[in-house]
């Protein structure tokens, strides 16, 4: 077993850096836990479709949504999953 000796200043700096890194990781995880919600206009703009097309997709069950009163919201991750589900791979090889 090897013994490592640090000066107290170096140990304090290592400890501060470690705690700062842990705080940064925890903050990133907290941000991941937050759902990014888009309203109807934002979702339509993101997808470059009309609000009517978005309503058709809701009616057809292609995209999930949440509704509070008359306001409709879409989960950004669910939009990404829907797009990936309907993704077609290129059939022509690119150089």
Protein backbone atom coordinates (compact mmCIF):
# COMPACT_ATOMS: atom_id res chain seq x y z
CA UNK A 1 0.00 0.00 0.00
CA UNK A 2 1.32 3.45 -0.92
CA UNK A 3 1.08 6.41 1.37
CA UNK A 4 0.44 9.83 -0.14
CA UNK A 5 1.26 12.93 1.84
CA UNK A 6 -0.33 16.27 0.98
CA UNK A 7 0.25 19.69 2.38
CA UNK A 8 -2.84 20.99 4.15
CA UNK A 9 -3.34 23.69 1.50
CA UNK A 10 -3.25 21.11 -1.28
CA UNK A 11 -5.66 18.88 0.66
CA UNK A 12 -8.05 21.81 1.20
CA UNK A 13 -7.91 22.68 -2.51
CA UNK A 14 -8.56 19.06 -3.49
CA UNK A 15 -11.52 18.93 -1.13
CA UNK A 16 -12.95 22.21 -2.48
CA UNK A 17 -12.55 21.03 -6.08
CA UNK A 18 -14.20 17.71 -5.26
CA UNK A 19 -17.19 19.38 -3.61
CA UNK A 20 -17.52 21.88 -6.48
CA UNK A 21 -17.53 19.00 -8.97
CA UNK A 22 -20.13 17.12 -6.93
CA UNK A 23 -22.36 20.23 -6.78
CA UNK A 24 -22.06 20.61 -10.55
CA UNK A 25 -23.05 16.97 -11.13
CA UNK A 26 -26.00 17.29 -8.75
CA UNK A 27 -27.17 20.45 -10.55
CA UNK A 28 -26.99 18.67 -13.91
CA UNK A 29 -29.03 15.77 -12.55
CA UNK A 30 -31.60 18.18 -11.11
CA UNK A 31 -31.95 19.86 -14.52
CA UNK A 32 -32.45 16.46 -16.17
CA UNK A 33 -35.31 15.71 -13.79
CA UNK A 34 -37.13 18.85 -14.92
CA UNK A 35 -39.46 18.26 -17.86
CA UNK A 36 -39.23 20.78 -20.67
CA UNK A 37 -42.83 21.66 -21.57
CA UNK A 38 -43.80 23.46 -24.77
CA UNK A 39 -47.13 25.13 -25.37
CA UNK A 40 -49.08 24.60 -28.58
CA UNK A 41 -47.49 27.53 -30.44
CA UNK A 42 -43.94 26.58 -29.36
CA UNK A 43 -44.44 22.93 -30.38
CA UNK A 44 -45.88 23.92 -33.78
CA UNK A 45 -43.00 26.33 -34.37
CA UNK A 46 -40.42 23.73 -33.33
CA UNK A 47 -41.90 21.12 -35.68
CA UNK A 48 -42.54 23.71 -38.43
CA UNK A 49 -46.16 22.61 -38.76
CA UNK A 50 -49.49 24.35 -38.36
CA UNK A 51 -51.46 24.25 -35.12
CA UNK A 52 -54.15 22.35 -37.05
CA UNK A 53 -51.65 19.62 -38.00
CA UNK A 54 -50.60 19.42 -34.37
CA UNK A 55 -54.25 19.01 -33.37
CA UNK A 56 -54.65 16.24 -35.97
CA UNK A 57 -51.62 14.45 -34.54
CA UNK A 58 -53.18 14.70 -31.06
CA UNK A 59 -56.52 13.41 -32.36
CA UNK A 60 -54.77 10.50 -34.12
CA UNK A 61 -52.78 9.65 -30.98
CA UNK A 62 -49.44 10.33 -32.65
CA UNK A 63 -48.31 12.75 -29.97
CA UNK A 64 -49.04 12.89 -26.27
CA UNK A 65 -50.05 16.08 -24.52
CA UNK A 66 -51.28 17.56 -21.28
CA UNK A 67 -54.21 19.92 -21.09
CA UNK A 68 -55.03 22.36 -18.32
CA UNK A 69 -58.20 24.25 -19.09
CA UNK A 70 -57.88 25.33 -22.70
CA UNK A 71 -54.08 25.35 -22.68
CA UNK A 72 -52.22 22.40 -24.23
CA UNK A 73 -48.62 21.42 -23.42
CA UNK A 74 -46.21 18.95 -24.98
CA UNK A 75 -43.26 17.20 -23.38
CA UNK A 76 -40.14 18.02 -25.43
CA UNK A 77 -38.69 14.53 -24.89
CA UNK A 78 -41.93 12.98 -26.14
CA UNK A 79 -41.75 15.09 -29.31
CA UNK A 80 -38.18 13.86 -29.84
CA UNK A 81 -39.27 10.23 -29.29
CA UNK A 82 -42.12 10.63 -31.80
CA UNK A 83 -39.72 12.03 -34.40
CA UNK A 84 -37.24 9.20 -33.82
CA UNK A 85 -40.03 6.61 -34.02
CA UNK A 86 -40.99 7.90 -37.46
CA UNK A 87 -37.41 8.31 -38.66
CA UNK A 88 -36.49 6.67 -41.96
CA UNK A 89 -32.88 5.72 -42.54
CA UNK A 90 -31.28 6.93 -45.77
CA UNK A 91 -31.47 4.35 -48.52
CA UNK A 92 -28.69 5.83 -50.60
CA UNK A 93 -25.12 5.62 -49.37
CA UNK A 94 -23.38 8.94 -49.00
CA UNK A 95 -19.75 9.42 -49.97
